[in-house]
């Protein structure tokens, strides 16, 4: 139900050239440290990327890495 409400809110306020980016950073201590993002324009996935580190870190660090990665990608693209 919440996902449907969020998607409705997005579609009601979205312009054609807007990019929607979903991000996630995750850590399970001593097992994995991962980041991932998906970018969509007009409902189509235009970029997916992910990665990780082989070192102990925090979930907050991975969230920041994720946002940094997507911002670097977004900076070099224009959607008209």
C-alpha atoms as a PDB file:
ATOM      1  CA  UNK A   1       0.000   0.000   0.000  1.00  0.00           C
ATOM      2  CA  UNK A   2       2.777   2.441   0.895  1.00  0.00           C
ATOM      3  CA  UNK A   3       4.686   1.681  -2.316  1.00  0.00           C
ATOM      4  CA  UNK A   4       1.560   2.424  -4.353  1.00  0.00           C
ATOM      5  CA  UNK A   5       1.071   5.728  -2.539  1.00  0.00           C
ATOM      6  CA  UNK A   6       4.715   6.700  -3.097  1.00  0.00           C
ATOM      7  CA  UNK A   7       4.548   5.835  -6.801  1.00  0.00           C
ATOM      8  CA  UNK A   8       1.328   7.859  -7.155  1.00  0.00           C
ATOM      9  CA  UNK A   9       2.904  10.847  -5.410  1.00  0.00           C
ATOM     10  CA  UNK A  10       5.948  10.646  -7.678  1.00  0.00           C
ATOM     11  CA  UNK A  11       3.901  10.372 -10.877  1.00  0.00           C
ATOM     12  CA  UNK A  12       1.692  13.314  -9.918  1.00  0.00           C
ATOM     13  CA  UNK A  13       4.693  15.589  -9.354  1.00  0.00           C
ATOM     14  CA  UNK A  14       7.112  14.380 -12.001  1.00  0.00           C
ATOM     15  CA  UNK A  15       8.249  16.283 -15.078  1.00  0.00           C
ATOM     16  CA  UNK A  16       9.458  14.369 -18.161  1.00  0.00           C
ATOM     17  CA  UNK A  17      13.131  15.203 -17.665  1.00  0.00           C
ATOM     18  CA  UNK A  18      13.235  14.372 -13.944  1.00  0.00           C
ATOM     19  CA  UNK A  19      15.496  11.549 -12.831  1.00  0.00           C
ATOM     20  CA  UNK A  20      14.344   9.323  -9.988  1.00  0.00           C
ATOM     21  CA  UNK A  21      17.197   7.643  -8.156  1.00  0.00           C
ATOM     22  CA  UNK A  22      16.844   4.822  -5.650  1.00  0.00           C
ATOM     23  CA  UNK A  23      19.885   4.222  -3.439  1.00  0.00           C
ATOM     24  CA  UNK A  24      20.941   1.806  -0.744  1.00  0.00           C
ATOM     25  CA  UNK A  25      24.021   1.150   1.312  1.00  0.00           C
ATOM     26  CA  UNK A  26      24.328  -1.973   3.415  1.00  0.00           C
ATOM     27  CA  UNK A  27      26.755  -3.497   5.890  1.00  0.00           C
ATOM     28  CA  UNK A  28      26.914  -6.844   7.608  1.00  0.00           C
ATOM     29  CA  UNK A  29      30.027  -6.630   9.763  1.00  0.00           C
ATOM     30  CA  UNK A  30      32.916  -8.765   8.513  1.00  0.00           C
ATOM     31  CA  UNK A  31      30.730 -10.225   5.727  1.00  0.00           C
ATOM     32  CA  UNK A  32      29.882  -7.452   3.231  1.00  0.00           C
ATOM     33  CA  UNK A  33      29.806  -3.698   2.623  1.00  0.00           C
ATOM     34  CA  UNK A  34      27.701  -2.857  -0.424  1.00  0.00           C
ATOM     35  CA  UNK A  35      26.246   0.137  -2.257  1.00  0.00           C
ATOM     36  CA  UNK A  36      23.746   0.199  -5.127  1.00  0.00           C
ATOM     37  CA  UNK A  37      21.711   2.720  -7.084  1.00  0.00           C
ATOM     38  CA  UNK A  38      19.130   2.648  -9.860  1.00  0.00           C
ATOM     39  CA  UNK A  39      18.214   5.697 -11.943  1.00  0.00           C
ATOM     40  CA  UNK A  40      14.976   6.016 -13.896  1.00  0.00           C
ATOM     41  CA  UNK A  41      13.786   8.570 -16.444  1.00  0.00           C
ATOM     42  CA  UNK A  42      10.191   8.457 -17.676  1.00  0.00           C
ATOM     43  CA  UNK A  43       9.764   5.104 -15.920  1.00  0.00           C
ATOM     44  CA  UNK A  44      12.685   3.467 -17.733  1.00  0.00           C
ATOM     45  CA  UNK A  45      15.856   2.332 -15.964  1.00  0.00           C
ATOM     46  CA  UNK A  46      18.733   4.332 -17.470  1.00  0.00           C
ATOM     47  CA  UNK A  47      21.503   3.293 -15.077  1.00  0.00           C
ATOM     48  CA  UNK A  48      22.166   0.667 -12.428  1.00  0.00           C
ATOM     49  CA  UNK A  49      25.437   0.418 -10.573  1.00  0.00           C
ATOM     50  CA  UNK A  50      26.783  -1.259  -7.449  1.00  0.00           C
ATOM     51  CA  UNK A  51      29.963  -2.077  -5.634  1.00  0.00           C
ATOM     52  CA  UNK A  52      31.476  -2.840  -2.288  1.00  0.00           C
ATOM     53  CA  UNK A  53      34.537  -2.747  -0.087  1.00  0.00           C
ATOM     54  CA  UNK A  54      36.570  -5.498   1.529  1.00  0.00           C
ATOM     55  CA  UNK A  55      36.965  -3.555   4.768  1.00  0.00           C
ATOM     56  CA  UNK A  56      34.882  -2.943   7.853  1.00  0.00           C
ATOM     57  CA  UNK A  57      32.835   0.242   7.718  1.00  0.00           C
ATOM     58  CA  UNK A  58      29.423   1.556   8.739  1.00  0.00           C
ATOM     59  CA  UNK A  59      26.043   1.528   7.003  1.00  0.00           C
ATOM     60  CA  UNK A  60      26.109   5.332   7.050  1.00  0.00           C
ATOM     61  CA  UNK A  61      29.419   5.328   5.182  1.00  0.00           C
ATOM     62  CA  UNK A  62      27.961   3.039   2.533  1.00  0.00           C
ATOM     63  CA  UNK A  63      24.889   5.287   2.210  1.00  0.00           C
ATOM     64  CA  UNK A  64      27.201   8.272   1.613  1.00  0.00           C
ATOM     65  CA  UNK A  65      29.261   6.294  -0.920  1.00  0.00           C
ATOM     66  CA  UNK A  66      26.045   5.395  -2.763  1.00  0.00           C
ATOM     67  CA  UNK A  67      24.860   8.995  -2.991  1.00  0.00           C
ATOM     68  CA  UNK A  68      28.338  10.134  -4.064  1.00  0.00           C
ATOM     69  CA  UNK A  69      28.475   7.512  -6.836  1.00  0.00           C
ATOM     70  CA  UNK A  70      25.060   8.473  -8.196  1.00  0.00           C
ATOM     71  CA  UNK A  71      25.834  12.196  -8.049  1.00  0.00           C
ATOM     72  CA  UNK A  72      29.070  11.686 -10.013  1.00  0.00           C
ATOM     73  CA  UNK A  73      27.114   9.728 -12.627  1.00  0.00           C
ATOM     74  CA  UNK A  74      24.227  12.227 -12.712  1.00  0.00           C
ATOM     75  CA  UNK A  75      26.575  15.200 -13.123  1.00  0.00           C
ATOM     76  CA  UNK A  76      27.752  13.879 -16.499  1.00  0.00           C
ATOM     77  CA  UNK A  77      24.249  13.269 -17.951  1.00  0.00           C
ATOM     78  CA  UNK A  78      21.408  15.447 -19.236  1.00  0.00           C
ATOM     79  CA  UNK A  79      17.869  14.207 -19.719  1.00  0.00           C
ATOM     80  CA  UNK A  80      15.663  16.356 -21.957  1.00  0.00           C
END
